[in-house]
Amino acid sequence: MKKILVIQNKRIGDVLIASVIAQNMKKIYPDSVIDFLVYDYTVGVIENNPAIDHIIEVNDKELKKLGNLKQLIQTVKNRKYDIIFDPYSKLQSRLICFFSKAPIRIGFQKRGKNPILKFYTHHVPLLEEKSNICGKAIEDRVNMVTSVFNLPEQQIDFEPKIVLTEEEKQYNKLDAYNKPAIMLGVLGSTPQKSMPYEYIVQLVDFITEKYQVNVLFNYAPNQKEDALSIYESCKNKDNIIIDIYEDSIRGFIKLMNTCELLVGNEGGIVHIAKALNKPTFTIFSPYVMKDHWASFEDGKKHASIHLMEEKPELYNENSVENRRKIEADPSFMYKQLTPELIIPKLEQFLSINLKNQT
């Protein structure tokens, strides 16, 4: 029986995407025990996944303390894993891999870097470009498996999955409403990383004026004041359900599962909606690499918009350095992605996925 560990100490979307590693390894070693090491606030996206046997929760801030990191390294070493995957490949996880003494340690080859310590037994290079509709981020993680282990192509699983319990499927907070609900998540993690709020209001007004739906807002708990400010600026408040909100991942998953679709910034909630088989319209931040994170886009069930496609002349070069400059202060670029650019594509998406709701 193989003991396998996947280390993914990063954010919600990254953890969900990395679950394809476990799903494919279970096909190769059906009797294996697969553990997942993640930050505690991300656990909700992998709970109940049948490919994951145990979840090891760590606290982001606590793990930065050397003593806690040493303790975790010793815990991992004591468990005597046969195989470890490290898809994020940050210093913490590389040290865990190195000192684990696992016979097989698989991580990404960092471009232009050749570390002295042999953190991994297998260095898997990042793919140059995507070749599958799943998107490059998922394809890279599947490639971590197939580069080392044999798995017939027809058996490869590219789709992250969220599994709800029967009780979670009975979520009923929207039962009192007689119109379909859609989730709107366009607030970024900070105001600097969000669309201009007046743009958000215009999108909400367009949706609530044209379609017979109710709109729900998704936002971080510390963004409630901003969300209420946006709500107060909207015209059709009767079509916005502002008093139903879930502040946990599993709560959001249950709520999202009862919605028709999601419209929102690229991020964890988009990946959650896709894993629940819900249609998505993604508004990409101007510094995000679309080919990397745009998964399963067919222009119908899953569609998106990116400023680079609408106004390529605004981008001097498509380099990592240039994207970092934009990320440092994306406000100007965000202002160029106007509702006039977004609404035609959004309308096409909604007309396909909200039939008979106009």
Protein backbone atom coordinates (compact mmCIF):
# COMPACT_ATOMS: atom_id res chain seq x y z
CA MET A 1 0.00 0.00 0.00
CA LYS A 2 1.45 3.35 -1.08
CA LYS A 3 1.41 6.32 1.26
CA ILE A 4 1.13 9.55 -0.73
CA LEU A 5 1.23 13.19 0.35
CA VAL A 6 0.22 16.24 -1.68
CA ILE A 7 1.47 19.56 -0.27
CA GLN A 8 -0.53 22.54 -1.45
CA ASN A 9 -0.14 25.33 1.06
CA LYS A 10 -1.64 28.08 -1.03
CA ARG A 11 -5.07 29.60 -1.70
CA ILE A 12 -8.51 28.07 -2.27
CA GLY A 13 -8.40 27.80 -6.08
CA ASP A 14 -4.91 26.31 -6.03
CA VAL A 15 -5.96 23.64 -3.53
CA LEU A 16 -9.03 22.68 -5.54
CA ILE A 17 -7.03 22.47 -8.78
CA ALA A 18 -4.33 20.35 -7.10
CA SER A 19 -6.96 17.79 -6.11
CA VAL A 20 -6.64 16.32 -9.62
CA ILE A 21 -3.29 14.91 -8.47
CA ALA A 22 -5.05 12.79 -5.85
CA GLN A 23 -7.84 11.81 -8.24
CA ASN A 24 -5.36 10.48 -10.78
CA MET A 25 -3.05 8.81 -8.26
CA LYS A 26 -6.03 6.87 -6.89
CA LYS A 27 -6.47 5.40 -10.36
CA ILE A 28 -2.83 4.33 -10.45
CA TYR A 29 -2.79 3.04 -6.86
CA PRO A 30 -6.42 2.32 -5.85
CA ASP A 31 -5.39 0.99 -2.43
CA SER A 32 -3.14 3.92 -1.61
CA VAL A 33 -3.63 6.30 1.30
CA ILE A 34 -3.50 9.88 0.06
CA ASP A 35 -3.05 12.80 2.45
CA PHE A 36 -3.41 16.48 1.57
CA LEU A 37 -1.47 19.17 3.45
CA VAL A 38 -3.21 22.54 3.14
CA TYR A 39 -3.85 25.81 4.97
CA ASP A 40 -6.78 25.47 7.35
CA TYR A 41 -8.91 28.09 5.59
CA THR A 42 -8.91 26.06 2.33
CA VAL A 43 -10.04 22.69 3.71
CA GLY A 44 -13.64 23.13 2.56
CA VAL A 45 -12.91 22.63 -1.14
CA ILE A 46 -11.48 19.14 -0.68
CA GLU A 47 -13.69 17.77 2.09
CA ASN A 48 -15.48 14.55 1.11
CA ASN A 49 -13.34 14.03 -2.00
CA PRO A 50 -13.15 10.21 -2.17
CA ALA A 51 -9.60 10.36 -3.57
CA ILE A 52 -8.32 12.11 -0.42
CA ASP A 53 -8.09 9.99 2.73
CA HIS A 54 -6.79 12.51 5.25
CA ILE A 55 -6.46 16.31 5.34
CA ILE A 56 -3.58 17.80 7.30
CA GLU A 57 -4.46 21.37 8.28
CA VAL A 58 -1.79 23.97 8.98
CA ASN A 59 -2.10 27.64 9.85
CA ASP A 60 -0.47 30.07 7.45
CA LYS A 61 0.86 32.48 10.07
CA GLU A 62 1.88 29.77 12.53
CA LEU A 63 3.83 27.87 9.87
CA LYS A 64 6.07 30.92 9.38
CA LYS A 65 7.48 30.28 12.84
CA LEU A 66 10.61 28.14 12.53
CA GLY A 67 9.69 25.92 15.46
CA ASN A 68 6.32 25.03 13.97
CA LEU A 69 7.88 24.32 10.59
CA LYS A 70 10.43 22.00 12.19
CA GLN A 71 7.64 20.18 14.01
CA LEU A 72 5.67 19.72 10.78
CA ILE A 73 8.77 18.46 8.97
CA GLN A 74 9.27 15.86 11.71
CA THR A 75 5.60 14.83 11.54
CA VAL A 76 5.81 14.30 7.79
CA LYS A 77 9.10 12.39 8.16
CA ASN A 78 7.57 10.11 10.82
CA ARG A 79 4.68 9.18 8.52
CA LYS A 80 7.14 7.64 6.05
CA TYR A 81 5.46 8.62 2.81
CA ASP A 82 6.41 6.73 -0.35
CA ILE A 83 5.49 9.58 -2.70
CA ILE A 84 5.22 13.33 -2.16
CA PHE A 85 3.89 15.89 -4.64
CA ASP A 86 4.73 19.56 -4.22
CA PRO A 87 2.85 21.54 -6.90
CA TYR A 88 3.49 24.96 -5.34
CA SER A 89 7.20 24.38 -4.74
CA LYS A 90 7.77 27.16 -2.21
CA LEU A 91 10.64 27.09 0.31
CA GLN A 92 8.49 25.68 3.14
CA SER A 93 7.19 22.79 1.06
CA ARG A 94 10.57 22.10 -0.54
CA LEU A 95 12.13 21.74 2.92
CA ILE A 96 9.33 19.40 3.97
CA CYS A 97 10.03 17.29 0.88
CA PHE A 98 13.78 17.25 1.39
CA PHE A 99 13.73 16.17 5.03
CA SER A 100 10.85 13.70 4.55
CA LYS A 101 13.28 11.22 2.93
CA ALA A 102 10.39 9.97 0.78
CA PRO A 103 11.78 7.75 -2.03
CA ILE A 104 9.80 9.71 -4.66
CA ARG A 105 9.49 13.48 -4.34
CA ILE A 106 7.96 15.35 -7.27
CA GLY A 107 8.03 19.11 -7.76
CA PHE A 108 8.09 21.69 -10.50
CA GLN A 109 11.39 22.71 -12.03
CA LYS A 110 11.79 26.45 -11.41
CA ARG A 111 12.92 28.16 -14.58
CA GLY A 112 16.50 29.36 -14.40
CA LYS A 113 17.07 27.92 -10.93
CA ASN A 114 19.29 25.02 -9.90
CA PRO A 115 19.14 24.70 -6.09
CA ILE A 116 22.04 23.12 -4.24
CA LEU A 117 19.78 20.88 -2.17
CA LYS A 118 18.05 18.10 -4.08
CA PHE A 119 14.57 18.80 -2.81
CA TYR A 120 12.99 16.47 -5.38
CA THR A 121 13.85 13.18 -6.99
CA HIS A 122 11.79 14.19 -10.02
CA HIS A 123 11.76 17.74 -11.39
CA VAL A 124 8.82 18.26 -13.74
CA PRO A 125 9.11 21.31 -16.02
CA LEU A 126 6.12 23.57 -16.41
CA LEU A 127 4.46 23.16 -19.78
CA GLU A 128 5.26 25.82 -22.34
CA GLU A 129 1.61 26.20 -23.31
CA LYS A 130 -1.71 24.50 -22.76
CA SER A 131 -2.98 21.77 -25.08
CA ASN A 132 -6.17 20.83 -23.23
CA ILE A 133 -9.39 22.75 -22.58
CA CYS A 134 -8.84 22.22 -18.85
CA GLY A 135 -6.32 25.07 -18.90
CA LYS A 136 -2.60 25.14 -18.22
CA ALA A 137 -2.79 25.22 -14.40
CA ILE A 138 -4.69 21.93 -14.27
CA GLU A 139 -2.69 20.42 -17.13
CA ASP A 140 0.58 21.19 -15.33
CA ARG A 141 -0.62 19.33 -12.24
CA VAL A 142 -1.82 16.33 -14.21
CA ASN A 143 1.55 16.35 -15.95
CA MET A 144 3.21 15.97 -12.54
CA VAL A 145 1.51 12.58 -12.34
CA THR A 146 1.83 11.37 -15.91
CA SER A 147 5.49 12.41 -16.21
CA VAL A 148 6.43 9.90 -13.51
CA PHE A 149 3.65 7.28 -13.50
CA ASN A 150 1.91 5.38 -16.27
CA LEU A 151 -1.74 6.28 -16.71
CA PRO A 152 -3.59 5.60 -19.99
CA GLU A 153 -4.68 8.83 -21.61
CA GLN A 154 -8.33 7.80 -21.67
CA GLN A 155 -8.24 7.36 -17.88
CA ILE A 156 -6.79 10.78 -17.03
CA ASP A 157 -9.10 12.92 -14.91
CA PHE A 158 -8.74 16.65 -15.64
CA GLU A 159 -11.75 17.84 -13.64
CA PRO A 160 -11.48 18.94 -9.99
CA LYS A 161 -14.53 17.78 -8.09
CA ILE A 162 -16.46 19.04 -5.10
CA VAL A 163 -18.53 16.40 -3.35
CA LEU A 164 -21.55 17.42 -1.29
CA THR A 165 -23.17 15.28 1.38
CA GLU A 166 -26.86 14.48 1.06
CA GLU A 167 -27.54 16.91 3.89
CA GLU A 168 -25.64 19.69 2.12
CA LYS A 169 -27.69 19.10 -1.02
CA GLN A 170 -30.84 19.91 0.97
CA TYR A 171 -29.73 23.53 1.54
CA ASN A 172 -32.96 25.55 1.47
CA LYS A 173 -32.23 29.22 2.17
CA LEU A 174 -33.33 30.20 -1.34
CA ASP A 175 -36.54 28.17 -1.32
CA ALA A 176 -38.63 31.21 -0.40
CA TYR A 177 -37.64 33.00 -3.61
CA ASN A 178 -39.54 32.29 -6.83
CA LYS A 179 -36.89 33.42 -9.33
CA PRO A 180 -33.62 31.71 -10.25
CA ALA A 181 -30.60 33.00 -8.37
CA ILE A 182 -27.21 33.86 -9.80
CA MET A 183 -24.04 34.49 -7.83
CA LEU A 184 -22.11 37.69 -8.47
CA GLY A 185 -18.53 37.80 -7.20
CA VAL A 186 -16.68 40.77 -8.65
CA LEU A 187 -15.03 42.12 -5.50
CA GLY A 188 -11.34 41.33 -5.45
CA SER A 189 -9.41 40.52 -2.30
CA THR A 190 -8.69 44.26 -1.88
CA PRO A 191 -10.26 47.43 -3.37
CA GLN A 192 -7.09 47.86 -5.46
CA LYS A 193 -7.69 44.44 -7.01
CA SER A 194 -11.37 44.99 -7.74
CA MET A 195 -13.15 46.54 -10.66
CA PRO A 196 -14.21 50.15 -10.09
CA TYR A 197 -17.32 49.94 -7.95
CA GLU A 198 -19.34 52.06 -10.37
CA TYR A 199 -18.65 49.41 -13.02
CA ILE A 200 -19.91 46.69 -10.71
CA VAL A 201 -23.12 48.64 -10.16
CA GLN A 202 -23.64 48.96 -13.92
CA LEU A 203 -23.24 45.19 -14.36
CA VAL A 204 -25.70 44.46 -11.55
CA ASP A 205 -28.21 46.94 -12.98
CA PHE A 206 -27.89 45.38 -16.44
CA ILE A 207 -28.52 41.87 -15.12
CA THR A 208 -31.44 42.79 -12.87
CA GLU A 209 -33.12 44.93 -15.56
CA LYS A 210 -32.85 42.42 -18.39
CA TYR A 211 -33.33 39.06 -16.66
CA GLN A 212 -35.93 37.63 -14.30
CA VAL A 213 -33.43 36.57 -11.67
CA ASN A 214 -32.32 37.32 -8.15
CA VAL A 215 -28.70 38.31 -7.59
CA LEU A 216 -26.55 37.25 -4.64
CA PHE A 217 -23.30 38.98 -3.70
CA ASN A 218 -20.20 37.03 -2.74
CA TYR A 219 -17.46 38.86 -0.88
CA ALA A 220 -14.95 38.32 1.91
CA PRO A 221 -16.32 38.94 5.43
CA ASN A 222 -14.14 42.05 5.76
CA GLN A 223 -15.69 43.48 2.56
CA LYS A 224 -19.24 43.67 3.88
CA GLU A 225 -19.17 47.48 4.05
CA ASP A 226 -18.06 47.69 0.41
CA ALA A 227 -20.70 45.17 -0.66
CA LEU A 228 -23.43 47.15 1.10
CA SER A 229 -22.17 50.34 -0.53
CA ILE A 230 -22.49 48.70 -3.95
CA TYR A 231 -25.95 47.41 -3.03
CA GLU A 232 -27.11 50.89 -2.04
CA SER A 233 -26.02 52.24 -5.44
CA CYS A 234 -27.95 49.63 -7.42
CA LYS A 235 -31.30 50.47 -8.99
CA ASN A 236 -33.21 47.21 -8.60
CA LYS A 237 -32.70 46.34 -4.95
CA ASP A 238 -35.78 44.09 -4.93
CA ASN A 239 -33.88 41.68 -7.18
CA ILE A 240 -30.80 41.55 -4.95
CA ILE A 241 -30.80 39.14 -2.03
CA ILE A 242 -28.46 40.92 0.33
CA ASP A 243 -29.41 39.13 3.55
CA ILE A 244 -28.29 35.65 2.49
CA TYR A 245 -24.54 35.28 2.82
CA GLU A 246 -22.21 32.42 3.76
CA ASP A 247 -18.86 33.20 5.37
CA SER A 248 -17.41 29.67 5.19
CA ILE A 249 -16.24 27.70 2.19
CA ARG A 250 -18.70 24.84 2.73
CA GLY A 251 -21.46 27.38 3.28
CA PHE A 252 -20.63 29.11 0.00
CA ILE A 253 -20.47 25.73 -1.76
CA LYS A 254 -23.97 24.84 -0.54
CA LEU A 255 -25.32 28.23 -1.59
CA MET A 256 -23.54 28.16 -4.97
CA ASN A 257 -24.95 24.70 -5.61
CA THR A 258 -28.48 26.16 -5.53
CA CYS A 259 -27.63 29.00 -7.95
CA GLU A 260 -27.97 28.86 -11.72
CA LEU A 261 -24.54 30.28 -12.54
CA LEU A 262 -21.74 32.57 -11.43
CA VAL A 263 -20.40 35.86 -12.75
CA GLY A 264 -17.21 37.00 -11.08
CA ASN A 265 -13.52 37.79 -10.93
CA GLU A 266 -11.16 34.92 -11.68
CA GLY A 267 -10.37 33.18 -8.42
CA GLY A 268 -11.37 30.46 -6.02
CA ILE A 269 -15.12 30.97 -6.36
CA VAL A 270 -14.95 30.47 -10.14
CA HIS A 271 -13.13 27.17 -9.69
CA ILE A 272 -15.68 26.13 -7.06
CA ALA A 273 -18.57 26.89 -9.41
CA LYS A 274 -16.96 24.88 -12.21
CA ALA A 275 -16.35 21.95 -9.86
CA LEU A 276 -20.08 22.09 -9.05
CA ASN A 277 -20.81 21.97 -12.79
CA LYS A 278 -22.26 25.50 -12.83
CA PRO A 279 -21.86 27.85 -15.82
CA THR A 280 -19.37 30.67 -15.23
CA PHE A 281 -18.54 34.05 -16.73
CA THR A 282 -15.08 35.12 -15.60
CA ILE A 283 -13.78 38.69 -15.51
CA PHE A 284 -10.00 38.34 -15.51
CA SER A 285 -7.79 40.75 -13.63
CA PRO A 286 -5.59 42.63 -16.13
CA TYR A 287 -2.38 41.03 -14.84
CA VAL A 288 -3.58 37.40 -14.74
CA MET A 289 -2.41 35.00 -17.44
CA LYS A 290 -5.67 33.79 -18.95
CA ASP A 291 -4.28 30.67 -20.63
CA HIS A 292 -3.02 29.51 -17.26
CA TRP A 293 -6.24 29.86 -15.26
CA ALA A 294 -9.04 29.76 -17.84
CA SER A 295 -10.37 26.23 -17.48
CA PHE A 296 -12.92 24.41 -19.62
CA GLU A 297 -13.84 27.55 -21.55
CA ASP A 298 -15.99 26.87 -24.60
CA GLY A 299 -17.56 30.29 -25.00
CA LYS A 300 -20.93 28.90 -23.95
CA LYS A 301 -21.08 27.19 -20.57
CA HIS A 302 -17.82 28.82 -19.50
CA ALA A 303 -16.92 32.20 -21.00
CA SER A 304 -14.71 35.10 -19.98
CA ILE A 305 -13.27 38.49 -20.80
CA HIS A 306 -9.68 39.75 -20.48
CA LEU A 307 -8.47 43.26 -21.18
CA MET A 308 -5.54 41.95 -23.22
CA GLU A 309 -7.98 40.47 -25.74
CA GLU A 310 -10.06 43.64 -25.91
CA LYS A 311 -7.26 46.22 -25.93
CA PRO A 312 -3.95 44.50 -26.70
CA GLU A 313 -2.36 47.86 -27.46
CA LEU A 314 -2.34 48.60 -23.70
CA TYR A 315 0.17 45.82 -23.11
CA ASN A 316 3.74 46.72 -24.04
CA GLU A 317 4.83 43.13 -23.64
CA ASN A 318 3.42 39.86 -22.37
CA SER A 319 6.13 39.14 -19.82
CA VAL A 320 6.12 38.16 -16.16
CA GLU A 321 7.90 41.40 -15.28
CA ASN A 322 5.31 43.52 -17.07
CA ARG A 323 2.46 41.67 -15.39
CA ARG A 324 4.04 42.27 -11.99
CA LYS A 325 4.19 45.99 -12.74
CA ILE A 326 0.49 45.96 -13.61
CA GLU A 327 -0.32 43.96 -10.49
CA ALA A 328 1.47 46.50 -8.31
CA ASP A 329 -1.06 49.14 -9.44
CA PRO A 330 -3.78 47.72 -11.72
CA SER A 331 -6.23 50.62 -11.22
CA PHE A 332 -5.58 52.23 -14.62
CA MET A 333 -5.92 48.93 -16.49
CA TYR A 334 -9.09 48.00 -14.59
CA LYS A 335 -10.69 51.28 -15.65
CA GLN A 336 -10.10 50.34 -19.29
CA LEU A 337 -12.21 47.19 -18.90
CA THR A 338 -15.48 49.10 -19.04
CA PRO A 339 -19.03 47.76 -18.79
CA GLU A 340 -19.42 48.65 -22.48
CA LEU A 341 -16.77 46.01 -23.22
CA ILE A 342 -18.05 43.45 -20.72
CA ILE A 343 -21.81 43.58 -21.26
CA PRO A 344 -21.98 42.29 -24.88
CA LYS A 345 -20.03 39.16 -23.92
CA LEU A 346 -21.92 38.81 -20.66
CA GLU A 347 -25.24 39.13 -22.46
CA GLN A 348 -24.28 36.39 -24.90
CA PHE A 349 -23.34 34.11 -22.00
CA LEU A 350 -26.52 34.82 -20.05
CA SER A 351 -28.75 34.35 -23.10
CA ILE A 352 -27.38 30.81 -23.42
CA ASN A 353 -27.47 29.88 -19.74
CA LEU A 354 -30.58 31.74 -18.58
CA LYS A 355 -33.07 30.53 -21.15
CA ASN A 356 -36.64 31.78 -20.69
CA GLN A 357 -35.52 34.24 -17.99
CA THR A 358 -35.53 37.45 -20.01
